[in-house]
N, C-alpha and C. Protein backbone atom coordinates (compact mmCIF):
# COMPACT_ATOMS: atom_id res chain seq x y z
N MET A 1 14.57 -23.44 -5.91
CA MET A 1 14.67 -22.22 -6.68
C MET A 1 13.90 -22.38 -7.99
N ARG A 2 13.14 -21.39 -8.35
CA ARG A 2 12.33 -21.42 -9.55
C ARG A 2 13.20 -21.23 -10.79
N LYS A 3 12.94 -22.02 -11.84
CA LYS A 3 13.69 -21.91 -13.08
C LYS A 3 13.18 -20.71 -13.88
N THR A 4 14.10 -20.01 -14.52
CA THR A 4 13.74 -18.85 -15.33
C THR A 4 13.29 -19.32 -16.71
N SER A 5 12.11 -18.89 -17.14
CA SER A 5 11.61 -19.27 -18.46
C SER A 5 12.26 -18.40 -19.54
N PHE A 6 12.31 -18.94 -20.75
CA PHE A 6 12.91 -18.20 -21.86
C PHE A 6 12.19 -16.88 -22.13
N PRO A 7 10.84 -16.85 -22.16
CA PRO A 7 10.16 -15.56 -22.35
C PRO A 7 10.49 -14.53 -21.26
N ALA A 8 10.68 -14.99 -20.03
CA ALA A 8 11.05 -14.06 -18.95
C ALA A 8 12.43 -13.48 -19.20
N ILE A 9 13.36 -14.31 -19.68
CA ILE A 9 14.72 -13.83 -20.00
C ILE A 9 14.65 -12.81 -21.12
N VAL A 10 13.92 -13.14 -22.18
CA VAL A 10 13.85 -12.24 -23.35
C VAL A 10 13.18 -10.92 -22.99
N SER A 11 12.04 -10.96 -22.30
CA SER A 11 11.35 -9.71 -21.98
C SER A 11 12.17 -8.84 -21.02
N THR A 12 12.84 -9.45 -20.06
CA THR A 12 13.71 -8.69 -19.15
C THR A 12 14.87 -8.08 -19.92
N ALA A 13 15.47 -8.85 -20.82
CA ALA A 13 16.59 -8.35 -21.62
C ALA A 13 16.15 -7.19 -22.51
N ILE A 14 14.97 -7.28 -23.10
CA ILE A 14 14.47 -6.20 -23.95
C ILE A 14 14.28 -4.92 -23.14
N LEU A 15 13.63 -5.04 -21.99
CA LEU A 15 13.42 -3.85 -21.14
C LEU A 15 14.75 -3.25 -20.69
N CYS A 16 15.70 -4.09 -20.32
CA CYS A 16 17.01 -3.60 -19.89
C CYS A 16 17.75 -2.93 -21.04
N TYR A 17 17.63 -3.49 -22.24
CA TYR A 17 18.32 -2.93 -23.40
C TYR A 17 17.75 -1.56 -23.76
N VAL A 18 16.43 -1.44 -23.72
CA VAL A 18 15.81 -0.13 -23.98
C VAL A 18 16.28 0.88 -22.93
N PHE A 19 16.31 0.46 -21.68
CA PHE A 19 16.80 1.33 -20.61
C PHE A 19 18.26 1.71 -20.85
N TRP A 20 19.08 0.76 -21.26
CA TRP A 20 20.50 1.00 -21.56
C TRP A 20 20.64 2.06 -22.65
N ILE A 21 19.87 1.92 -23.71
CA ILE A 21 19.94 2.87 -24.82
C ILE A 21 19.56 4.28 -24.34
N LEU A 22 18.53 4.38 -23.52
CA LEU A 22 18.11 5.69 -23.01
C LEU A 22 19.15 6.29 -22.07
N VAL A 23 19.70 5.48 -21.17
CA VAL A 23 20.65 5.99 -20.16
C VAL A 23 21.98 6.39 -20.79
N THR A 24 22.44 5.64 -21.78
CA THR A 24 23.74 5.94 -22.39
C THR A 24 23.66 7.02 -23.46
N GLY A 25 22.47 7.50 -23.76
CA GLY A 25 22.33 8.56 -24.75
C GLY A 25 22.44 8.07 -26.18
N GLN A 26 22.26 6.80 -26.41
CA GLN A 26 22.39 6.23 -27.75
C GLN A 26 21.18 6.49 -28.62
N LEU A 27 20.06 6.86 -28.03
CA LEU A 27 18.86 7.10 -28.83
C LEU A 27 19.10 8.22 -29.84
N ALA A 28 19.71 9.31 -29.40
CA ALA A 28 20.01 10.42 -30.32
C ALA A 28 20.98 9.98 -31.40
N SER A 29 21.97 9.17 -31.02
CA SER A 29 22.94 8.67 -32.01
C SER A 29 22.27 7.75 -33.02
N ILE A 30 21.36 6.93 -32.57
CA ILE A 30 20.64 6.03 -33.47
C ILE A 30 19.78 6.83 -34.44
N ILE A 31 19.12 7.86 -33.93
CA ILE A 31 18.27 8.71 -34.78
C ILE A 31 19.11 9.41 -35.84
N LYS A 32 20.31 9.87 -35.45
CA LYS A 32 21.21 10.54 -36.39
C LYS A 32 21.85 9.56 -37.36
N GLY A 33 21.78 8.27 -37.06
CA GLY A 33 22.41 7.27 -37.91
C GLY A 33 23.87 7.04 -37.57
N GLU A 34 24.30 7.45 -36.38
CA GLU A 34 25.69 7.30 -35.96
C GLU A 34 25.79 6.60 -34.60
N PRO A 35 25.20 5.41 -34.46
CA PRO A 35 25.28 4.76 -33.15
C PRO A 35 26.67 4.21 -32.87
N SER A 36 27.02 4.14 -31.61
CA SER A 36 28.29 3.54 -31.20
C SER A 36 28.07 2.04 -31.08
N ILE A 37 28.64 1.30 -32.01
CA ILE A 37 28.45 -0.15 -32.04
C ILE A 37 28.95 -0.80 -30.75
N GLU A 38 30.08 -0.32 -30.23
CA GLU A 38 30.64 -0.90 -29.01
C GLU A 38 29.67 -0.76 -27.83
N VAL A 39 29.08 0.41 -27.71
CA VAL A 39 28.14 0.65 -26.61
C VAL A 39 26.89 -0.20 -26.77
N LEU A 40 26.40 -0.33 -28.00
CA LEU A 40 25.21 -1.14 -28.25
C LEU A 40 25.48 -2.62 -27.97
N ILE A 41 26.66 -3.11 -28.36
CA ILE A 41 27.01 -4.51 -28.10
C ILE A 41 27.17 -4.74 -26.59
N ALA A 42 27.84 -3.82 -25.92
CA ALA A 42 28.00 -3.95 -24.46
C ALA A 42 26.63 -3.96 -23.78
N GLY A 43 25.73 -3.11 -24.24
CA GLY A 43 24.38 -3.07 -23.69
C GLY A 43 23.63 -4.37 -23.91
N ALA A 44 23.81 -4.96 -25.10
CA ALA A 44 23.15 -6.23 -25.39
C ALA A 44 23.67 -7.33 -24.48
N VAL A 45 24.99 -7.38 -24.29
CA VAL A 45 25.59 -8.41 -23.43
C VAL A 45 25.11 -8.24 -21.98
N VAL A 46 25.16 -7.02 -21.48
CA VAL A 46 24.72 -6.76 -20.10
C VAL A 46 23.22 -7.08 -19.95
N SER A 47 22.42 -6.68 -20.92
CA SER A 47 20.97 -6.92 -20.85
C SER A 47 20.64 -8.41 -20.87
N ILE A 48 21.34 -9.17 -21.68
CA ILE A 48 21.11 -10.62 -21.70
C ILE A 48 21.52 -11.23 -20.37
N GLY A 49 22.64 -10.77 -19.83
CA GLY A 49 23.08 -11.25 -18.51
C GLY A 49 22.06 -10.94 -17.43
N VAL A 50 21.54 -9.73 -17.44
CA VAL A 50 20.51 -9.35 -16.45
C VAL A 50 19.26 -10.20 -16.66
N GLY A 51 18.89 -10.44 -17.92
CA GLY A 51 17.73 -11.28 -18.20
C GLY A 51 17.88 -12.69 -17.67
N ILE A 52 19.08 -13.25 -17.82
CA ILE A 52 19.34 -14.62 -17.35
C ILE A 52 19.29 -14.69 -15.82
N PHE A 53 19.93 -13.74 -15.17
CA PHE A 53 20.05 -13.81 -13.72
C PHE A 53 18.87 -13.20 -12.95
N ALA A 54 18.17 -12.25 -13.55
CA ALA A 54 17.11 -11.56 -12.80
C ALA A 54 15.71 -11.73 -13.38
N GLY A 55 15.59 -12.41 -14.50
CA GLY A 55 14.28 -12.58 -15.15
C GLY A 55 13.23 -13.17 -14.23
N ARG A 56 13.63 -14.15 -13.42
CA ARG A 56 12.64 -14.82 -12.54
C ARG A 56 12.16 -13.90 -11.43
N PHE A 57 12.94 -12.87 -11.10
CA PHE A 57 12.54 -11.95 -10.03
C PHE A 57 11.72 -10.78 -10.56
N LEU A 58 11.92 -10.42 -11.80
CA LEU A 58 11.28 -9.24 -12.36
C LEU A 58 9.98 -9.53 -13.10
N ILE A 59 9.74 -10.78 -13.44
CA ILE A 59 8.58 -11.13 -14.25
C ILE A 59 7.63 -12.00 -13.45
N HIS A 60 6.35 -11.70 -13.54
CA HIS A 60 5.34 -12.56 -12.93
C HIS A 60 4.27 -12.87 -13.97
N LYS A 61 3.47 -13.88 -13.74
CA LYS A 61 2.37 -14.33 -14.59
C LYS A 61 2.75 -14.41 -16.07
N LYS A 62 2.72 -13.31 -16.78
CA LYS A 62 3.01 -13.32 -18.22
C LYS A 62 4.32 -12.58 -18.46
N ALA A 63 5.16 -13.14 -19.31
CA ALA A 63 6.49 -12.58 -19.52
C ALA A 63 6.47 -11.22 -20.21
N PHE A 64 5.61 -11.03 -21.19
CA PHE A 64 5.67 -9.81 -22.00
C PHE A 64 4.61 -8.78 -21.61
N TYR A 65 4.04 -8.90 -20.41
CA TYR A 65 2.95 -8.00 -20.03
C TYR A 65 3.39 -6.55 -19.95
N LEU A 66 4.64 -6.28 -19.58
CA LEU A 66 5.10 -4.89 -19.50
C LEU A 66 5.45 -4.29 -20.85
N LEU A 67 5.54 -5.13 -21.88
CA LEU A 67 5.84 -4.61 -23.22
C LEU A 67 4.57 -4.14 -23.94
N ASN A 68 3.43 -4.28 -23.30
CA ASN A 68 2.16 -3.84 -23.85
C ASN A 68 2.12 -2.30 -23.83
N PRO A 69 1.94 -1.66 -25.00
CA PRO A 69 1.93 -0.19 -25.05
C PRO A 69 0.86 0.44 -24.16
N LYS A 70 -0.27 -0.26 -23.97
CA LYS A 70 -1.33 0.26 -23.10
C LYS A 70 -0.80 0.48 -21.68
N ARG A 71 0.02 -0.44 -21.19
CA ARG A 71 0.57 -0.32 -19.84
C ARG A 71 1.53 0.87 -19.76
N TRP A 72 2.29 1.11 -20.81
CA TRP A 72 3.22 2.24 -20.81
C TRP A 72 2.47 3.56 -20.84
N ILE A 73 1.37 3.60 -21.60
CA ILE A 73 0.55 4.81 -21.63
C ILE A 73 -0.06 5.05 -20.24
N CYS A 74 -0.53 3.98 -19.60
CA CYS A 74 -1.08 4.12 -18.24
C CYS A 74 0.00 4.57 -17.27
N LEU A 75 1.23 4.10 -17.46
CA LEU A 75 2.34 4.51 -16.59
C LEU A 75 2.63 6.00 -16.76
N ILE A 76 2.59 6.48 -17.99
CA ILE A 76 2.81 7.91 -18.24
C ILE A 76 1.68 8.74 -17.62
N ILE A 77 0.44 8.28 -17.79
CA ILE A 77 -0.69 8.98 -17.16
C ILE A 77 -0.54 8.95 -15.65
N TYR A 78 -0.11 7.80 -15.11
CA TYR A 78 0.07 7.68 -13.65
C TYR A 78 1.11 8.69 -13.15
N ALA A 79 2.14 8.94 -13.93
CA ALA A 79 3.16 9.92 -13.52
C ALA A 79 2.51 11.28 -13.29
N PHE A 80 1.57 11.66 -14.15
CA PHE A 80 0.88 12.94 -13.97
C PHE A 80 -0.12 12.89 -12.81
N VAL A 81 -0.79 11.75 -12.65
CA VAL A 81 -1.71 11.58 -11.52
C VAL A 81 -0.94 11.70 -10.21
N PHE A 82 0.22 11.01 -10.13
CA PHE A 82 1.03 11.07 -8.93
C PHE A 82 1.56 12.48 -8.69
N LEU A 83 1.98 13.16 -9.76
CA LEU A 83 2.45 14.54 -9.63
C LEU A 83 1.34 15.43 -9.07
N TRP A 84 0.10 15.25 -9.53
CA TRP A 84 -1.02 16.04 -9.03
C TRP A 84 -1.25 15.75 -7.55
N GLU A 85 -1.24 14.46 -7.16
CA GLU A 85 -1.41 14.10 -5.75
C GLU A 85 -0.28 14.70 -4.91
N LEU A 86 0.92 14.70 -5.45
CA LEU A 86 2.08 15.27 -4.76
C LEU A 86 1.92 16.77 -4.55
N ILE A 87 1.46 17.47 -5.58
CA ILE A 87 1.24 18.92 -5.47
C ILE A 87 0.17 19.23 -4.43
N LYS A 88 -0.94 18.48 -4.47
CA LYS A 88 -2.01 18.70 -3.49
C LYS A 88 -1.51 18.46 -2.07
N ALA A 89 -0.74 17.39 -1.87
CA ALA A 89 -0.24 17.07 -0.53
C ALA A 89 0.76 18.11 -0.05
N ASN A 90 1.61 18.60 -0.95
CA ASN A 90 2.57 19.63 -0.56
C ASN A 90 1.87 20.93 -0.18
N CYS A 91 0.85 21.31 -0.93
CA CYS A 91 0.09 22.52 -0.59
C CYS A 91 -0.61 22.35 0.76
N SER A 92 -1.19 21.18 0.97
CA SER A 92 -1.87 20.89 2.24
C SER A 92 -0.88 20.96 3.40
N MET A 93 0.30 20.41 3.22
CA MET A 93 1.32 20.43 4.28
C MET A 93 1.80 21.86 4.54
N ALA A 94 1.92 22.67 3.49
CA ALA A 94 2.34 24.06 3.67
C ALA A 94 1.31 24.83 4.49
N VAL A 95 0.03 24.62 4.19
CA VAL A 95 -1.04 25.27 4.95
C VAL A 95 -0.99 24.82 6.41
N ARG A 96 -0.78 23.54 6.64
CA ARG A 96 -0.72 23.02 8.01
C ARG A 96 0.51 23.55 8.75
N ALA A 97 1.62 23.67 8.06
CA ALA A 97 2.84 24.16 8.70
C ALA A 97 2.71 25.64 9.08
N LEU A 98 1.99 26.40 8.27
CA LEU A 98 1.84 27.83 8.55
C LEU A 98 0.64 28.13 9.45
N GLY A 99 -0.26 27.17 9.60
CA GLY A 99 -1.45 27.36 10.42
C GLY A 99 -1.16 27.17 11.90
N ARG A 100 -2.09 27.60 12.71
CA ARG A 100 -1.90 27.52 14.16
C ARG A 100 -2.78 26.45 14.80
N LYS A 101 -3.65 25.83 14.03
CA LYS A 101 -4.56 24.88 14.66
C LYS A 101 -3.86 23.52 14.81
N PRO A 102 -4.10 22.84 15.93
CA PRO A 102 -3.45 21.55 16.17
C PRO A 102 -3.96 20.47 15.21
N GLU A 103 -3.07 19.57 14.88
CA GLU A 103 -3.41 18.49 13.96
C GLU A 103 -3.83 17.24 14.72
N HIS A 104 -4.63 16.44 14.08
CA HIS A 104 -5.05 15.16 14.65
C HIS A 104 -4.40 14.07 13.80
N SER A 105 -3.18 13.68 14.17
CA SER A 105 -2.50 12.64 13.41
C SER A 105 -2.82 11.28 14.01
N GLY A 106 -2.65 10.26 13.21
CA GLY A 106 -2.92 8.91 13.69
C GLY A 106 -2.62 7.87 12.64
N ILE A 107 -2.83 6.62 13.02
CA ILE A 107 -2.61 5.50 12.12
C ILE A 107 -3.97 4.97 11.70
N VAL A 108 -4.16 4.86 10.40
CA VAL A 108 -5.43 4.36 9.87
C VAL A 108 -5.20 3.05 9.12
N LYS A 109 -6.19 2.18 9.19
CA LYS A 109 -6.14 0.89 8.50
C LYS A 109 -6.90 1.06 7.19
N VAL A 110 -6.15 1.01 6.07
CA VAL A 110 -6.71 1.31 4.76
C VAL A 110 -6.84 0.03 3.93
N PRO A 111 -8.05 -0.31 3.48
CA PRO A 111 -8.20 -1.49 2.62
C PRO A 111 -7.66 -1.20 1.22
N VAL A 112 -7.01 -2.21 0.64
CA VAL A 112 -6.42 -2.09 -0.69
C VAL A 112 -6.94 -3.24 -1.54
N SER A 113 -7.35 -2.95 -2.76
CA SER A 113 -7.91 -4.00 -3.62
C SER A 113 -6.91 -4.54 -4.64
N LEU A 114 -5.66 -4.10 -4.60
CA LEU A 114 -4.65 -4.59 -5.53
C LEU A 114 -4.18 -5.98 -5.11
N THR A 115 -3.92 -6.86 -6.08
CA THR A 115 -3.50 -8.22 -5.76
C THR A 115 -2.04 -8.49 -6.10
N SER A 116 -1.49 -7.81 -7.07
CA SER A 116 -0.11 -8.03 -7.49
C SER A 116 0.86 -7.43 -6.47
N ASP A 117 1.94 -8.15 -6.18
CA ASP A 117 2.96 -7.62 -5.28
C ASP A 117 3.57 -6.33 -5.82
N TYR A 118 3.77 -6.28 -7.15
CA TYR A 118 4.33 -5.08 -7.77
C TYR A 118 3.40 -3.88 -7.58
N ALA A 119 2.11 -4.11 -7.80
CA ALA A 119 1.13 -3.04 -7.65
C ALA A 119 1.04 -2.57 -6.21
N GLN A 120 1.03 -3.51 -5.26
CA GLN A 120 0.97 -3.14 -3.85
C GLN A 120 2.21 -2.35 -3.43
N SER A 121 3.37 -2.76 -3.92
CA SER A 121 4.60 -2.03 -3.60
C SER A 121 4.58 -0.62 -4.17
N MET A 122 4.10 -0.51 -5.41
CA MET A 122 4.06 0.81 -6.05
C MET A 122 3.11 1.75 -5.30
N LEU A 123 1.94 1.23 -4.89
CA LEU A 123 1.00 2.07 -4.16
C LEU A 123 1.56 2.45 -2.79
N ALA A 124 2.14 1.48 -2.08
CA ALA A 124 2.71 1.77 -0.76
C ALA A 124 3.81 2.82 -0.86
N ASN A 125 4.67 2.71 -1.87
CA ASN A 125 5.74 3.70 -2.05
C ASN A 125 5.17 5.05 -2.46
N SER A 126 4.14 5.06 -3.29
CA SER A 126 3.52 6.33 -3.70
C SER A 126 2.89 7.03 -2.50
N ILE A 127 2.24 6.27 -1.63
CA ILE A 127 1.65 6.86 -0.42
C ILE A 127 2.75 7.44 0.46
N THR A 128 3.84 6.70 0.61
CA THR A 128 4.94 7.16 1.46
C THR A 128 5.62 8.39 0.88
N LEU A 129 5.73 8.46 -0.43
CA LEU A 129 6.38 9.62 -1.06
C LEU A 129 5.51 10.88 -1.01
N THR A 130 4.22 10.70 -0.77
CA THR A 130 3.32 11.84 -0.67
C THR A 130 3.44 12.46 0.72
N PRO A 131 3.75 13.75 0.83
CA PRO A 131 3.92 14.38 2.14
C PRO A 131 2.69 14.21 3.03
N GLY A 132 2.95 13.89 4.30
CA GLY A 132 1.88 13.76 5.27
C GLY A 132 1.43 12.34 5.51
N THR A 133 1.94 11.38 4.73
CA THR A 133 1.55 9.99 4.91
C THR A 133 2.77 9.08 4.83
N ILE A 134 2.73 8.00 5.61
CA ILE A 134 3.78 6.98 5.56
C ILE A 134 3.11 5.62 5.67
N THR A 135 3.37 4.74 4.72
CA THR A 135 2.87 3.37 4.82
C THR A 135 3.77 2.63 5.78
N MET A 136 3.20 2.19 6.89
CA MET A 136 3.99 1.55 7.94
C MET A 136 4.01 0.04 7.84
N ASP A 137 2.91 -0.56 7.39
CA ASP A 137 2.84 -2.01 7.34
C ASP A 137 1.79 -2.43 6.31
N ILE A 138 2.00 -3.61 5.75
CA ILE A 138 1.03 -4.20 4.83
C ILE A 138 0.65 -5.56 5.43
N THR A 139 -0.64 -5.77 5.63
CA THR A 139 -1.09 -7.04 6.19
C THR A 139 -2.23 -7.61 5.34
N GLU A 140 -2.44 -8.90 5.51
CA GLU A 140 -3.56 -9.55 4.85
C GLU A 140 -4.40 -10.25 5.91
N GLU A 141 -5.68 -9.93 5.91
CA GLU A 141 -6.60 -10.51 6.89
C GLU A 141 -7.83 -11.01 6.16
N GLY A 142 -8.05 -12.31 6.20
CA GLY A 142 -9.22 -12.88 5.56
C GLY A 142 -9.27 -12.65 4.06
N GLY A 143 -8.14 -12.68 3.40
CA GLY A 143 -8.09 -12.48 1.96
C GLY A 143 -8.11 -11.03 1.52
N GLN A 144 -8.18 -10.10 2.43
CA GLN A 144 -8.18 -8.66 2.13
C GLN A 144 -6.86 -8.05 2.56
N THR A 145 -6.27 -7.24 1.69
CA THR A 145 -5.02 -6.57 2.02
C THR A 145 -5.31 -5.22 2.66
N TYR A 146 -4.55 -4.90 3.70
CA TYR A 146 -4.69 -3.61 4.39
C TYR A 146 -3.31 -2.97 4.53
N TYR A 147 -3.30 -1.64 4.40
CA TYR A 147 -2.10 -0.86 4.73
C TYR A 147 -2.38 -0.16 6.05
N TYR A 148 -1.37 -0.10 6.89
CA TYR A 148 -1.43 0.74 8.07
C TYR A 148 -0.64 1.99 7.71
N VAL A 149 -1.35 3.12 7.64
CA VAL A 149 -0.75 4.37 7.17
C VAL A 149 -0.78 5.39 8.29
N HIS A 150 0.38 5.98 8.58
CA HIS A 150 0.41 7.11 9.51
C HIS A 150 0.05 8.34 8.69
N TRP A 151 -1.00 9.02 9.13
CA TRP A 151 -1.54 10.16 8.40
C TRP A 151 -1.48 11.36 9.32
N ILE A 152 -0.86 12.42 8.87
CA ILE A 152 -0.63 13.58 9.73
C ILE A 152 -1.92 14.34 10.02
N SER A 153 -2.93 14.16 9.20
CA SER A 153 -4.17 14.90 9.37
C SER A 153 -5.36 13.99 9.16
N VAL A 154 -5.67 13.16 10.14
CA VAL A 154 -6.77 12.20 10.02
C VAL A 154 -8.09 12.97 9.98
N SER A 155 -8.74 12.92 8.84
CA SER A 155 -10.03 13.61 8.70
C SER A 155 -11.19 12.65 8.89
N ASP A 156 -10.93 11.35 8.73
CA ASP A 156 -11.97 10.35 8.92
C ASP A 156 -11.32 9.05 9.38
N GLU A 157 -11.83 8.47 10.44
CA GLU A 157 -11.23 7.25 10.97
C GLU A 157 -11.80 5.99 10.33
N ASP A 158 -12.84 6.13 9.51
CA ASP A 158 -13.36 5.01 8.75
C ASP A 158 -12.32 4.63 7.69
N GLY A 159 -11.90 3.37 7.68
CA GLY A 159 -10.83 2.94 6.79
C GLY A 159 -11.10 3.19 5.32
N GLN A 160 -12.34 2.95 4.88
CA GLN A 160 -12.67 3.13 3.47
C GLN A 160 -12.59 4.60 3.07
N LYS A 161 -13.18 5.48 3.87
CA LYS A 161 -13.16 6.92 3.56
C LYS A 161 -11.74 7.47 3.68
N ALA A 162 -11.01 7.04 4.70
CA ALA A 162 -9.62 7.48 4.85
C ALA A 162 -8.79 6.99 3.68
N GLY A 163 -9.04 5.75 3.25
CA GLY A 163 -8.33 5.20 2.11
C GLY A 163 -8.58 5.98 0.84
N ASP A 164 -9.83 6.38 0.63
CA ASP A 164 -10.15 7.18 -0.55
C ASP A 164 -9.42 8.51 -0.52
N ALA A 165 -9.33 9.12 0.66
CA ALA A 165 -8.63 10.40 0.79
C ALA A 165 -7.12 10.23 0.60
N ILE A 166 -6.56 9.16 1.12
CA ILE A 166 -5.11 8.94 1.05
C ILE A 166 -4.69 8.48 -0.34
N LYS A 167 -5.41 7.52 -0.91
CA LYS A 167 -5.01 6.92 -2.18
C LYS A 167 -5.39 7.77 -3.38
N GLY A 168 -6.43 8.56 -3.25
CA GLY A 168 -6.91 9.34 -4.39
C GLY A 168 -7.23 8.41 -5.55
N THR A 169 -6.76 8.75 -6.75
CA THR A 169 -6.98 7.89 -7.92
C THR A 169 -5.75 7.04 -8.23
N MET A 170 -4.75 7.08 -7.36
CA MET A 170 -3.51 6.34 -7.63
C MET A 170 -3.76 4.84 -7.76
N GLU A 171 -4.59 4.28 -6.90
CA GLU A 171 -4.83 2.83 -6.92
C GLU A 171 -5.43 2.39 -8.26
N LYS A 172 -6.34 3.18 -8.79
CA LYS A 172 -6.99 2.85 -10.07
C LYS A 172 -5.95 2.77 -11.19
N TRP A 173 -5.05 3.75 -11.25
CA TRP A 173 -4.06 3.77 -12.33
C TRP A 173 -2.99 2.71 -12.14
N ILE A 174 -2.63 2.44 -10.91
CA ILE A 174 -1.65 1.37 -10.65
C ILE A 174 -2.23 0.02 -11.07
N ARG A 175 -3.51 -0.20 -10.83
CA ARG A 175 -4.16 -1.44 -11.25
C ARG A 175 -4.08 -1.59 -12.77
N ARG A 176 -4.26 -0.51 -13.49
CA ARG A 176 -4.19 -0.57 -14.96
C ARG A 176 -2.79 -0.90 -15.45
N ILE A 177 -1.78 -0.53 -14.68
CA ILE A 177 -0.40 -0.81 -15.08
C ILE A 177 -0.03 -2.26 -14.79
N TRP A 178 -0.35 -2.75 -13.60
CA TRP A 178 0.19 -4.04 -13.14
C TRP A 178 -0.77 -5.21 -13.18
N GLU A 179 -2.07 -4.98 -13.23
CA GLU A 179 -2.99 -6.12 -13.13
C GLU A 179 -3.83 -6.30 -14.37
């Protein structure tokens, strides 16, 4: 079992504590100058505990990489990019559902250039959450990662072109967040 480093514990605890403050509604209380000390102390204790027990699972390479404001800005931008891809896919599915022409669905092998496990998971989940596509498997062949994606409307069987259509700009923004 891998030992948890102190920076991994601290960075995980900080992220958990910020999340605790947001979820418990303490941010407004802190701004007003009336924070609940008991809730803040409980959050600190829980966050430190999570940092100790889960730091090794949540942190890779550099401990404080997620505390970089550039990554948070990219994450916010990615939320809008994903929302746009979601809107486009929903409109496309609505047209297909109301149309009478038969669809050509199939499984395509899509090359992925992301190297981080976190980035690959985020892209695979984003593809699956987009209507009309499901990431079925992730494989590595000869140092290259591939997703097998079931696509309800295969417009091109070439993996690179299909990948560009399926991934849109999501891969680029996910790379900026995680790598």
